[in-house]
Amino acid sequence: ALKSRLGIDFKAFRGIRYASAPVGILRFRNPIPYLPWKPNI
């Protein structure tokens, strides 16, 4: 939870992977969607 410039509460979710790490043979290739992480948080 964070606060806006005027002090309004809001929620921040940062650093969410939307694609797999483009490393190794994936370095220059098209992005691949990141897989589900259930049941972990």
PDB file of all heavy atoms in Angstrom:
ATOM      1  N   ALA A   1       0.838  -1.198   0.000  1.00  0.00           N
ATOM      2  CA  ALA A   1       0.000   0.000   0.000  1.00  0.00           C
ATOM      3  C   ALA A   1       0.871   1.245   0.000  1.00  0.00           C
ATOM      4  O   ALA A   1       1.845   1.334   0.750  1.00  0.00           O
ATOM      5  CB  ALA A   1      -0.924   0.004   1.218  1.00  0.00           C
ATOM      6  N   LEU A   2       0.533   2.210  -0.859  1.00  0.00           N
ATOM      7  CA  LEU A   2       1.262   3.473  -0.957  1.00  0.00           C
ATOM      8  C   LEU A   2       0.270   4.626  -0.942  1.00  0.00           C
ATOM      9  O   LEU A   2      -0.940   4.419  -0.925  1.00  0.00           O
ATOM     10  CB  LEU A   2       2.100   3.511  -2.241  1.00  0.00           C
ATOM     11  CG  LEU A   2       3.182   2.433  -2.411  1.00  0.00           C
ATOM     12  CD1 LEU A   2       3.839   2.558  -3.779  1.00  0.00           C
ATOM     13  CD2 LEU A   2       4.224   2.521  -1.310  1.00  0.00           C
ATOM     14  N   LYS A   3       0.788   5.857  -0.977  1.00  0.00           N
ATOM     15  CA  LYS A   3      -0.065   7.039  -0.994  1.00  0.00           C
ATOM     16  C   LYS A   3       0.267   7.904  -2.198  1.00  0.00           C
ATOM     17  O   LYS A   3       1.426   8.026  -2.609  1.00  0.00           O
ATOM     18  CB  LYS A   3       0.105   7.858   0.288  1.00  0.00           C
ATOM     19  CG  LYS A   3      -0.535   7.202   1.508  1.00  0.00           C
ATOM     20  CD  LYS A   3      -0.526   8.137   2.702  1.00  0.00           C
ATOM     21  CE  LYS A   3      -1.185   7.479   3.914  1.00  0.00           C
ATOM     22  NZ  LYS A   3      -2.634   7.258   3.691  1.00  0.00           N
ATOM     23  N   SER A   4      -0.774   8.493  -2.784  1.00  0.00           N
ATOM     24  CA  SER A   4      -0.595   9.356  -3.939  1.00  0.00           C
ATOM     25  C   SER A   4      -0.068  10.719  -3.509  1.00  0.00           C
ATOM     26  O   SER A   4       0.116  10.998  -2.317  1.00  0.00           O
ATOM     27  CB  SER A   4      -1.929   9.534  -4.671  1.00  0.00           C
ATOM     28  OG  SER A   4      -2.784  10.399  -3.925  1.00  0.00           O
ATOM     29  N   ARG A   5       0.149  11.585  -4.481  1.00  0.00           N
ATOM     30  CA  ARG A   5       0.645  12.940  -4.203  1.00  0.00           C
ATOM     31  C   ARG A   5      -0.273  13.685  -3.241  1.00  0.00           C
ATOM     32  O   ARG A   5       0.188  14.445  -2.381  1.00  0.00           O
ATOM     33  CB  ARG A   5       0.740  13.710  -5.524  1.00  0.00           C
ATOM     34  CG  ARG A   5       1.204  15.148  -5.405  1.00  0.00           C
ATOM     35  CD  ARG A   5       1.296  15.771  -6.781  1.00  0.00           C
ATOM     36  NE  ARG A   5      -0.002  15.774  -7.431  1.00  0.00           N
ATOM     37  CZ  ARG A   5      -0.823  16.827  -7.486  1.00  0.00           C
ATOM     38  NH1 ARG A   5      -0.475  17.966  -6.919  1.00  0.00           N
ATOM     39  NH2 ARG A   5      -1.978  16.752  -8.104  1.00  0.00           N
ATOM     40  N   LEU A   6      -1.583  13.467  -3.365  1.00  0.00           N
ATOM     41  CA  LEU A   6      -2.553  14.147  -2.500  1.00  0.00           C
ATOM     42  C   LEU A   6      -2.925  13.326  -1.270  1.00  0.00           C
ATOM     43  O   LEU A   6      -3.872  13.655  -0.561  1.00  0.00           O
ATOM     44  CB  LEU A   6      -3.815  14.485  -3.305  1.00  0.00           C
ATOM     45  CG  LEU A   6      -3.613  15.443  -4.487  1.00  0.00           C
ATOM     46  CD1 LEU A   6      -4.933  15.687  -5.205  1.00  0.00           C
ATOM     47  CD2 LEU A   6      -2.997  16.759  -4.017  1.00  0.00           C
ATOM     48  N   GLY A   7      -2.180  12.222  -1.029  1.00  0.00           N
ATOM     49  CA  GLY A   7      -2.413  11.428   0.176  1.00  0.00           C
ATOM     50  C   GLY A   7      -3.479  10.366   0.044  1.00  0.00           C
ATOM     51  O   GLY A   7      -3.956   9.829   1.057  1.00  0.00           O
ATOM     52  N   ILE A   8      -3.888  10.030  -1.185  1.00  0.00           N
ATOM     53  CA  ILE A   8      -4.895   8.994  -1.405  1.00  0.00           C
ATOM     54  C   ILE A   8      -4.221   7.620  -1.385  1.00  0.00           C
ATOM     55  O   ILE A   8      -3.170   7.418  -1.997  1.00  0.00           O
ATOM     56  CB  ILE A   8      -5.605   9.211  -2.757  1.00  0.00           C
ATOM     57  CG1 ILE A   8      -6.329  10.565  -2.756  1.00  0.00           C
ATOM     58  CG2 ILE A   8      -6.592   8.075  -3.049  1.00  0.00           C
ATOM     59  CD1 ILE A   8      -6.896  10.956  -4.108  1.00  0.00           C
ATOM     60  N   ASP A   9      -4.818   6.679  -0.683  1.00  0.00           N
ATOM     61  CA  ASP A   9      -4.265   5.326  -0.615  1.00  0.00           C
ATOM     62  C   ASP A   9      -4.425   4.606  -1.954  1.00  0.00           C
ATOM     63  O   ASP A   9      -5.473   4.701  -2.602  1.00  0.00           O
ATOM     64  CB  ASP A   9      -4.978   4.516   0.474  1.00  0.00           C
ATOM     65  CG  ASP A   9      -4.677   5.034   1.879  1.00  0.00           C
ATOM     66  OD1 ASP A   9      -3.561   5.515   2.093  1.00  0.00           O
ATOM     67  OD2 ASP A   9      -5.569   4.943   2.746  1.00  0.00           O
ATOM     68  N   PHE A  10      -3.378   3.893  -2.372  1.00  0.00           N
ATOM     69  CA  PHE A  10      -3.492   3.025  -3.542  1.00  0.00           C
ATOM     70  C   PHE A  10      -2.594   1.810  -3.364  1.00  0.00           C
ATOM     71  O   PHE A  10      -1.745   1.765  -2.477  1.00  0.00           O
ATOM     72  CB  PHE A  10      -3.161   3.780  -4.840  1.00  0.00           C
ATOM     73  CG  PHE A  10      -1.716   4.177  -4.989  1.00  0.00           C
ATOM     74  CD1 PHE A  10      -0.812   3.348  -5.647  1.00  0.00           C
ATOM     75  CD2 PHE A  10      -1.262   5.399  -4.496  1.00  0.00           C
ATOM     76  CE1 PHE A  10       0.513   3.715  -5.807  1.00  0.00           C
ATOM     77  CE2 PHE A  10       0.060   5.776  -4.646  1.00  0.00           C
ATOM     78  CZ  PHE A  10       0.956   4.929  -5.298  1.00  0.00           C
ATOM     79  N   LYS A  11      -2.828   0.826  -4.204  1.00  0.00           N
ATOM     80  CA  LYS A  11      -2.104  -0.437  -4.115  1.00  0.00           C
ATOM     81  C   LYS A  11      -1.082  -0.523  -5.252  1.00  0.00           C
ATOM     82  O   LYS A  11      -1.377  -0.150  -6.379  1.00  0.00           O
ATOM     83  CB  LYS A  11      -3.087  -1.615  -4.178  1.00  0.00           C
ATOM     84  CG  LYS A  11      -4.133  -1.586  -3.066  1.00  0.00           C
ATOM     85  CD  LYS A  11      -5.237  -2.589  -3.334  1.00  0.00           C
ATOM     86  CE  LYS A  11      -6.260  -2.588  -2.211  1.00  0.00           C
ATOM     87  NZ  LYS A  11      -6.918  -1.270  -2.057  1.00  0.00           N
ATOM     88  N   ALA A  12       0.099  -1.030  -4.919  1.00  0.00           N
ATOM     89  CA  ALA A  12       1.177  -1.135  -5.904  1.00  0.00           C
ATOM     90  C   ALA A  12       1.627  -2.588  -6.010  1.00  0.00           C
ATOM     91  O   ALA A  12       1.933  -3.229  -5.005  1.00  0.00           O
ATOM     92  CB  ALA A  12       2.343  -0.250  -5.493  1.00  0.00           C
ATOM     93  N   PHE A  13       1.660  -3.078  -7.240  1.00  0.00           N
ATOM     94  CA  PHE A  13       2.152  -4.436  -7.531  1.00  0.00           C
ATOM     95  C   PHE A  13       3.282  -4.274  -8.549  1.00  0.00           C
ATOM     96  O   PHE A  13       3.036  -3.991  -9.720  1.00  0.00           O
ATOM     97  CB  PHE A  13       1.027  -5.305  -8.086  1.00  0.00           C
ATOM     98  CG  PHE A  13      -0.163  -5.400  -7.169  1.00  0.00           C
ATOM     99  CD1 PHE A  13      -1.175  -4.445  -7.235  1.00  0.00           C
ATOM    100  CD2 PHE A  13      -0.265  -6.424  -6.238  1.00  0.00           C
ATOM    101  CE1 PHE A  13      -2.274  -4.515  -6.377  1.00  0.00           C
ATOM    102  CE2 PHE A  13      -1.356  -6.504  -5.390  1.00  0.00           C
ATOM    103  CZ  PHE A  13      -2.367  -5.546  -5.453  1.00  0.00           C
ATOM    104  N   ARG A  14       4.511  -4.425  -8.091  1.00  0.00           N
ATOM    105  CA  ARG A  14       5.665  -4.073  -8.917  1.00  0.00           C
ATOM    106  C   ARG A  14       6.537  -5.293  -9.225  1.00  0.00           C
ATOM    107  O   ARG A  14       6.635  -6.219  -8.444  1.00  0.00           O
ATOM    108  CB  ARG A  14       6.499  -3.001  -8.213  1.00  0.00           C
ATOM    109  CG  ARG A  14       5.795  -1.663  -8.101  1.00  0.00           C
ATOM    110  CD  ARG A  14       6.526  -0.686  -7.222  1.00  0.00           C
ATOM    111  NE  ARG A  14       6.435  -1.051  -5.819  1.00  0.00           N
ATOM    112  CZ  ARG A  14       6.935  -0.317  -4.823  1.00  0.00           C
ATOM    113  NH1 ARG A  14       7.557   0.817  -5.090  1.00  0.00           N
ATOM    114  NH2 ARG A  14       6.818  -0.718  -3.577  1.00  0.00           N
ATOM    115  N   GLY A  15       7.167  -5.236 -10.386  1.00  0.00           N
ATOM    116  CA  GLY A  15       8.094  -6.289 -10.769  1.00  0.00           C
ATOM    117  C   GLY A  15       7.430  -7.588 -11.199  1.00  0.00           C
ATOM    118  O   GLY A  15       8.032  -8.660 -11.093  1.00  0.00           O
ATOM    119  N   ILE A  16       6.191  -7.531 -11.699  1.00  0.00           N
ATOM    120  CA  ILE A  16       5.484  -8.741 -12.130  1.00  0.00           C
ATOM    121  C   ILE A  16       6.039  -9.195 -13.475  1.00  0.00           C
ATOM    122  O   ILE A  16       6.065  -8.439 -14.440  1.00  0.00           O
ATOM    123  CB  ILE A  16       3.976  -8.474 -12.264  1.00  0.00           C
ATOM    124  CG1 ILE A  16       3.399  -7.917 -10.958  1.00  0.00           C
ATOM    125  CG2 ILE A  16       3.243  -9.751 -12.664  1.00  0.00           C
ATOM    126  CD1 ILE A  16       1.962  -7.437 -11.083  1.00  0.00           C
ATOM    127  N   ARG A  17       6.459 -10.437 -13.562  1.00  0.00           N
ATOM    128  CA  ARG A  17       6.949 -10.969 -14.839  1.00  0.00           C
ATOM    129  C   ARG A  17       5.773 -11.203 -15.790  1.00  0.00           C
ATOM    130  O   ARG A  17       4.856 -11.944 -15.472  1.00  0.00           O
ATOM    131  CB  ARG A  17       7.697 -12.286 -14.620  1.00  0.00           C
ATOM    132  CG  ARG A  17       9.071 -12.136 -13.969  1.00  0.00           C
ATOM    133  CD  ARG A  17       9.722 -13.506 -13.817  1.00  0.00           C
ATOM    134  NE  ARG A  17      11.091 -13.412 -13.360  1.00  0.00           N
ATOM    135  CZ  ARG A  17      11.460 -13.382 -12.082  1.00  0.00           C
ATOM    136  NH1 ARG A  17      10.533 -13.446 -11.130  1.00  0.00           N
ATOM    137  NH2 ARG A  17      12.739 -13.303 -11.752  1.00  0.00           N
ATOM    138  N   TYR A  18       5.838 -10.581 -16.950  1.00  0.00           N
ATOM    139  CA  TYR A  18       4.818 -10.853 -17.975  1.00  0.00           C
ATOM    140  C   TYR A  18       5.352 -11.788 -19.048  1.00  0.00           C
ATOM    141  O   TYR A  18       4.584 -12.311 -19.866  1.00  0.00           O
ATOM    142  CB  TYR A  18       4.303  -9.550 -18.594  1.00  0.00           C
ATOM    143  CG  TYR A  18       5.310  -8.767 -19.401  1.00  0.00           C
ATOM    144  CD1 TYR A  18       5.560  -9.067 -20.739  1.00  0.00           C
ATOM    145  CD2 TYR A  18       6.003  -7.697 -18.829  1.00  0.00           C
ATOM    146  CE1 TYR A  18       6.471  -8.336 -21.485  1.00  0.00           C
ATOM    147  CE2 TYR A  18       6.915  -6.963 -19.565  1.00  0.00           C
ATOM    148  CZ  TYR A  18       7.145  -7.284 -20.887  1.00  0.00           C
ATOM    149  OH  TYR A  18       8.061  -6.552 -21.625  1.00  0.00           O
ATOM    150  N   ALA A  19       6.664 -12.006 -19.072  1.00  0.00           N
ATOM    151  CA  ALA A  19       7.274 -12.919 -20.039  1.00  0.00           C
ATOM    152  C   ALA A  19       8.480 -13.591 -19.397  1.00  0.00           C
ATOM    153  O   ALA A  19       9.052 -13.082 -18.421  1.00  0.00           O
ATOM    154  CB  ALA A  19       7.706 -12.169 -21.297  1.00  0.00           C
ATOM    155  N   SER A  20       8.857 -14.726 -19.922  1.00  0.00           N
ATOM    156  CA  SER A  20      10.010 -15.456 -19.403  1.00  0.00           C
ATOM    157  C   SER A  20      11.284 -14.658 -19.640  1.00  0.00           C
ATOM    158  O   SER A  20      11.363 -13.829 -20.555  1.00  0.00           O
ATOM    159  CB  SER A  20      10.127 -16.822 -20.087  1.00  0.00           C
ATOM    160  OG  SER A  20       8.969 -17.598 -19.848  1.00  0.00           O
ATOM    161  N   ALA A  21      12.294 -14.921 -18.816  1.00  0.00           N
ATOM    162  CA  ALA A  21      13.569 -14.225 -18.967  1.00  0.00           C
ATOM    163  C   ALA A  21      14.165 -14.513 -20.344  1.00  0.00           C
ATOM    164  O   ALA A  21      14.355 -15.677 -20.704  1.00  0.00           O
ATOM    165  CB  ALA A  21      14.533 -14.670 -17.867  1.00  0.00           C
ATOM    166  N   PRO A  22      14.467 -13.492 -21.141  1.00  0.00           N
ATOM    167  CA  PRO A  22      15.023 -13.705 -22.481  1.00  0.00           C
ATOM    168  C   PRO A  22      16.530 -13.956 -22.417  1.00  0.00           C
ATOM    169  O   PRO A  22      17.343 -13.120 -22.815  1.00  0.00           O
ATOM    170  CB  PRO A  22      14.687 -12.393 -23.194  1.00  0.00           C
ATOM    171  CG  PRO A  22      14.710 -11.372 -22.099  1.00  0.00           C
ATOM    172  CD  PRO A  22      14.206 -12.074 -20.865  1.00  0.00           C
ATOM    173  N   VAL A  23      16.900 -15.100 -21.935  1.00  0.00           N
ATOM    174  CA  VAL A  23      18.309 -15.447 -21.762  1.00  0.00           C
ATOM    175  C   VAL A  23      18.611 -16.733 -22.526  1.00  0.00           C
ATOM    176  O   VAL A  23      17.700 -17.464 -22.929  1.00  0.00           O
ATOM    177  CB  VAL A  23      18.667 -15.610 -20.270  1.00  0.00           C
ATOM    178  CG1 VAL A  23      18.477 -14.298 -19.530  1.00  0.00           C
ATOM    179  CG2 VAL A  23      17.813 -16.699 -19.623  1.00  0.00           C
ATOM    180  N   GLY A  24      19.909 -17.009 -22.707  1.00  0.00           N
ATOM    181  CA  GLY A  24      20.294 -18.202 -23.453  1.00  0.00           C
ATOM    182  C   GLY A  24      19.822 -18.108 -24.886  1.00  0.00           C
ATOM    183  O   GLY A  24      19.966 -17.081 -25.552  1.00  0.00           O
ATOM    184  N   ILE A  25      19.200 -19.169 -25.378  1.00  0.00           N
ATOM    185  CA  ILE A  25      18.734 -19.178 -26.768  1.00  0.00           C
ATOM    186  C   ILE A  25      17.535 -18.248 -26.981  1.00  0.00           C
ATOM    187  O   ILE A  25      17.154 -17.971 -28.121  1.00  0.00           O
ATOM    188  CB  ILE A  25      18.371 -20.604 -27.234  1.00  0.00           C
ATOM    189  CG1 ILE A  25      17.201 -21.160 -26.407  1.00  0.00           C
ATOM    190  CG2 ILE A  25      19.571 -21.521 -27.176  1.00  0.00           C
ATOM    191  CD1 ILE A  25      16.658 -22.470 -26.961  1.00  0.00           C
ATOM    192  N   LEU A  26      16.945 -17.751 -25.879  1.00  0.00           N
ATOM    193  CA  LEU A  26      15.811 -16.827 -25.995  1.00  0.00           C
ATOM    194  C   LEU A  26      16.252 -15.367 -26.083  1.00  0.00           C
ATOM    195  O   LEU A  26      15.418 -14.480 -26.211  1.00  0.00           O
ATOM    196  CB  LEU A  26      14.880 -16.984 -24.783  1.00  0.00           C
ATOM    197  CG  LEU A  26      14.255 -18.357 -24.557  1.00  0.00           C
ATOM    198  CD1 LEU A  26      13.369 -18.328 -23.312  1.00  0.00           C
ATOM    199  CD2 LEU A  26      13.453 -18.792 -25.770  1.00  0.00           C
ATOM    200  N   ARG A  27      17.535 -15.111 -26.040  1.00  0.00           N
ATOM    201  CA  ARG A  27      18.055 -13.748 -25.922  1.00  0.00           C
ATOM    202  C   ARG A  27      17.490 -12.804 -26.981  1.00  0.00           C
ATOM    203  O   ARG A  27      17.125 -11.676 -26.683  1.00  0.00           O
ATOM    204  CB  ARG A  27      19.572 -13.764 -25.967  1.00  0.00           C
ATOM    205  CG  ARG A  27      20.205 -12.380 -25.903  1.00  0.00           C
ATOM    206  CD  ARG A  27      21.713 -12.469 -25.784  1.00  0.00           C
ATOM    207  NE  ARG A  27      22.131 -12.459 -24.391  1.00  0.00           N
ATOM    208  CZ  ARG A  27      23.399 -12.585 -23.993  1.00  0.00           C
ATOM    209  NH1 ARG A  27      24.345 -12.783 -24.892  1.00  0.00           N
ATOM    210  NH2 ARG A  27      23.708 -12.541 -22.713  1.00  0.00           N
ATOM    211  N   PHE A  28      17.433 -13.207 -28.229  1.00  0.00           N
ATOM    212  CA  PHE A  28      16.986 -12.326 -29.315  1.00  0.00           C
ATOM    213  C   PHE A  28      15.632 -12.749 -29.890  1.00  0.00           C
ATOM    214  O   PHE A  28      15.200 -12.200 -30.904  1.00  0.00           O
ATOM    215  CB  PHE A  28      18.024 -12.304 -30.438  1.00  0.00           C
ATOM    216  CG  PHE A  28      19.380 -11.842 -29.998  1.00  0.00           C
ATOM    217  CD1 PHE A  28      20.415 -12.745 -29.816  1.00  0.00           C
ATOM    218  CD2 PHE A  28      19.625 -10.503 -29.744  1.00  0.00           C
ATOM    219  CE1 PHE A  28      21.663 -12.325 -29.399  1.00  0.00           C
ATOM    220  CE2 PHE A  28      20.880 -10.070 -29.330  1.00  0.00           C
ATOM    221  CZ  PHE A  28      21.901 -10.985 -29.160  1.00  0.00           C
ATOM    222  N   ARG A  29      14.992 -13.712 -29.260  1.00  0.00           N
ATOM    223  CA  ARG A  29      13.753 -14.246 -29.825  1.00  0.00           C
ATOM    224  C   ARG A  29      12.523 -13.526 -29.286  1.00  0.00           C
ATOM    225  O   ARG A  29      12.605 -12.714 -28.367  1.00  0.00           O
ATOM    226  CB  ARG A  29      13.660 -15.746 -29.537  1.00  0.00           C
ATOM    227  CG  ARG A  29      14.773 -16.527 -30.215  1.00  0.00           C
ATOM    228  CD  ARG A  29      14.545 -18.013 -30.172  1.00  0.00           C
ATOM    229  NE  ARG A  29      15.609 -18.749 -30.851  1.00  0.00           N
ATOM    230  CZ  ARG A  29      15.603 -20.059 -31.048  1.00  0.00           C
ATOM    231  NH1 ARG A  29      14.583 -20.782 -30.612  1.00  0.00           N
ATOM    232  NH2 ARG A  29      16.607 -20.643 -31.671  1.00  0.00           N
ATOM    233  N   ASN A  30      11.374 -13.844 -29.881  1.00  0.00           N
ATOM    234  CA  ASN A  30      10.119 -13.251 -29.441  1.00  0.00           C
ATOM    235  C   ASN A  30       9.827 -13.649 -28.000  1.00  0.00           C
ATOM    236  O   ASN A  30      10.189 -14.748 -27.563  1.00  0.00           O
ATOM    237  CB  ASN A  30       8.975 -13.712 -30.344  1.00  0.00           C
ATOM    238  CG  ASN A  30       9.148 -13.245 -31.781  1.00  0.00           C
ATOM    239  OD1 ASN A  30       9.891 -12.314 -32.057  1.00  0.00           O
ATOM    240  ND2 ASN A  30       8.454 -13.898 -32.700  1.00  0.00           N
ATOM    241  N   PRO A  31       9.171 -12.770 -27.247  1.00  0.00           N
ATOM    242  CA  PRO A  31       8.894 -13.075 -25.837  1.00  0.00           C
ATOM    243  C   PRO A  31       7.953 -14.266 -25.672  1.00  0.00           C
ATOM    244  O   PRO A  31       7.074 -14.502 -26.502  1.00  0.00           O
ATOM    245  CB  PRO A  31       8.245 -11.789 -25.323  1.00  0.00           C
ATOM    246  CG  PRO A  31       7.648 -11.159 -26.546  1.00  0.00           C
ATOM    247  CD  PRO A  31       8.603 -11.482 -27.664  1.00  0.00           C
ATOM    248  N   ILE A  32       8.140 -14.989 -24.575  1.00  0.00           N
ATOM    249  CA  ILE A  32       7.297 -16.138 -24.240  1.00  0.00           C
ATOM    250  C   ILE A  32       6.554 -15.810 -22.943  1.00  0.00           C
ATOM    251  O   ILE A  32       7.175 -15.421 -21.957  1.00  0.00           O
ATOM    252  CB  ILE A  32       8.145 -17.409 -24.049  1.00  0.00           C
ATOM    253  CG1 ILE A  32       8.850 -17.761 -25.360  1.00  0.00           C
ATOM    254  CG2 ILE A  32       7.277 -18.571 -23.582  1.00  0.00           C
ATOM    255  CD1 ILE A  32       9.798 -18.936 -25.244  1.00  0.00           C
ATOM    256  N   PRO A  33       5.220 -15.924 -22.912  1.00  0.00           N
ATOM    257  CA  PRO A  33       4.462 -15.585 -21.693  1.00  0.00           C
ATOM    258  C   PRO A  33       4.988 -16.336 -20.475  1.00  0.00           C
ATOM    259  O   PRO A  33       5.380 -17.504 -20.571  1.00  0.00           O
ATOM    260  CB  PRO A  33       3.029 -16.013 -22.035  1.00  0.00           C
ATOM    261  CG  PRO A  33       2.979 -15.994 -23.526  1.00  0.00           C
ATOM    262  CD  PRO A  33       4.348 -16.386 -24.009  1.00  0.00           C
ATOM    263  N   TYR A  34       4.979 -15.655 -19.340  1.00  0.00           N
ATOM    264  CA  TYR A  34       5.450 -16.260 -18.092  1.00  0.00           C
ATOM    265  C   TYR A  34       4.427 -17.269 -17.581  1.00  0.00           C
ATOM    266  O   TYR A  34       3.224 -17.012 -17.610  1.00  0.00           O
ATOM    267  CB  TYR A  34       5.686 -15.172 -17.044  1.00  0.00           C
ATOM    268  CG  TYR A  34       6.488 -15.634 -15.856  1.00  0.00           C
ATOM    269  CD1 TYR A  34       7.821 -15.996 -15.995  1.00  0.00           C
ATOM    270  CD2 TYR A  34       5.903 -15.712 -14.590  1.00  0.00           C
ATOM    271  CE1 TYR A  34       8.560 -16.415 -14.907  1.00  0.00           C
ATOM    272  CE2 TYR A  34       6.637 -16.125 -13.498  1.00  0.00           C
ATOM    273  CZ  TYR A  34       7.962 -16.482 -13.665  1.00  0.00           C
ATOM    274  OH  TYR A  34       8.699 -16.902 -12.581  1.00  0.00           O
ATOM    275  N   LEU A  35       4.899 -18.393 -17.116  1.00  0.00           N
ATOM    276  CA  LEU A  35       4.015 -19.476 -16.692  1.00  0.00           C
ATOM    277  C   LEU A  35       3.379 -19.183 -15.331  1.00  0.00           C
ATOM    278  O   LEU A  35       3.938 -18.452 -14.512  1.00  0.00           O
ATOM    279  CB  LEU A  35       4.798 -20.786 -16.620  1.00  0.00           C
ATOM    280  CG  LEU A  35       5.352 -21.323 -17.944  1.00  0.00           C
ATOM    281  CD1 LEU A  35       6.209 -22.554 -17.701  1.00  0.00           C
ATOM    282  CD2 LEU A  35       4.222 -21.631 -18.925  1.00  0.00           C
ATOM    283  N   PRO A  36       2.199 -19.758 -15.053  1.00  0.00           N
ATOM    284  CA  PRO A  36       1.561 -19.592 -13.739  1.00  0.00           C
ATOM    285  C   PRO A  36       2.474 -20.075 -12.614  1.00  0.00           C
ATOM    286  O   PRO A  36       3.266 -20.993 -12.811  1.00  0.00           O
ATOM    287  CB  PRO A  36       0.300 -20.456 -13.841  1.00  0.00           C
ATOM    288  CG  PRO A  36       0.014 -20.528 -15.313  1.00  0.00           C
ATOM    289  CD  PRO A  36       1.355 -20.544 -15.981  1.00  0.00           C
ATOM    290  N   TRP A  37       2.329 -19.462 -11.438  1.00  0.00           N
ATOM    291  CA  TRP A  37       3.161 -19.818 -10.287  1.00  0.00           C
ATOM    292  C   TRP A  37       2.357 -20.457  -9.157  1.00  0.00           C
ATOM    293  O   TRP A  37       2.838 -20.608  -8.047  1.00  0.00           O
ATOM    294  CB  TRP A  37       3.868 -18.575  -9.759  1.00  0.00           C
ATOM    295  CG  TRP A  37       2.939 -17.417  -9.516  1.00  0.00           C
ATOM    296  CD1 TRP A  37       2.139 -17.211  -8.435  1.00  0.00           C
ATOM    297  CD2 TRP A  37       2.710 -16.324 -10.401  1.00  0.00           C
ATOM    298  NE1 TRP A  37       1.410 -16.054  -8.577  1.00  0.00           N
ATOM    299  CE2 TRP A  37       1.754 -15.483  -9.778  1.00  0.00           C
ATOM    300  CE3 TRP A  37       3.218 -15.966 -11.644  1.00  0.00           C
ATOM    301  CZ2 TRP A  37       1.303 -14.308 -10.375  1.00  0.00           C
ATOM    302  CZ3 TRP A  37       2.764 -14.793 -12.238  1.00  0.00           C
ATOM    303  CH2 TRP A  37       1.819 -13.977 -11.607  1.00  0.00           C
ATOM    304  N   LYS A  38       1.108 -20.854  -9.447  1.00  0.00           N
ATOM    305  CA  LYS A  38       0.305 -21.525  -8.421  1.00  0.00           C
ATOM    306  C   LYS A  38       1.056 -22.745  -7.901  1.00  0.00           C
ATOM    307  O   LYS A  38       1.740 -23.430  -8.670  1.00  0.00           O
ATOM    308  CB  LYS A  38      -1.038 -21.976  -9.009  1.00  0.00           C
ATOM    309  CG  LYS A  38      -1.961 -20.854  -9.428  1.00  0.00           C
ATOM    310  CD  LYS A  38      -3.240 -21.438 -10.032  1.00  0.00           C
ATOM    311  CE  LYS A  38      -4.209 -20.350 -10.444  1.00  0.00           C
ATOM    312  NZ  LYS A  38      -5.436 -20.910 -11.037  1.00  0.00           N
ATOM    313  N   PRO A  39       0.914 -23.076  -6.604  1.00  0.00           N
ATOM    314  CA  PRO A  39       0.114 -22.413  -5.569  1.00  0.00           C
ATOM    315  C   PRO A  39       0.900 -21.350  -4.803  1.00  0.00           C
ATOM    316  O   PRO A  39       0.461 -20.874  -3.752  1.00  0.00           O
ATOM    317  CB  PRO A  39      -0.247 -23.576  -4.645  1.00  0.00           C
ATOM    318  CG  PRO A  39       0.977 -24.444  -4.693  1.00  0.00           C
ATOM    319  CD  PRO A  39       1.510 -24.333  -6.102  1.00  0.00           C
ATOM    320  N   ASN A  40       2.093 -21.007  -5.269  1.00  0.00           N
ATOM    321  CA  ASN A  40       2.915 -20.042  -4.560  1.00  0.00           C
ATOM    322  C   ASN A  40       2.353 -18.625  -4.691  1.00  0.00           C
ATOM    323  O   ASN A  40       1.480 -18.365  -5.523  1.00  0.00           O
ATOM    324  CB  ASN A  40       4.353 -20.082  -5.090  1.00  0.00           C
ATOM    325  CG  ASN A  40       5.004 -21.439  -4.890  1.00  0.00           C
ATOM    326  OD1 ASN A  40       4.786 -22.079  -3.876  1.00  0.00           O
ATOM    327  ND2 ASN A  40       5.788 -21.884  -5.864  1.00  0.00           N
ATOM    328  N   ILE A  41       2.885 -17.727  -3.867  1.00  0.00           N
ATOM    329  CA  ILE A  41       2.507 -16.320  -3.924  1.00  0.00           C
ATOM    330  C   ILE A  41       3.636 -15.533  -4.566  1.00  0.00           C
ATOM    331  O   ILE A  41       4.799 -15.678  -4.179  1.00  0.00           O
ATOM    332  CB  ILE A  41       2.204 -15.769  -2.514  1.00  0.00           C
ATOM    333  CG1 ILE A  41       0.993 -16.482  -1.921  1.00  0.00           C
ATOM    334  CG2 ILE A  41       1.957 -14.262  -2.567  1.00  0.00           C
ATOM    335  CD1 ILE A  41       0.663 -16.058  -0.505  1.00  0.00           C
TER     336      ILE A  41
END
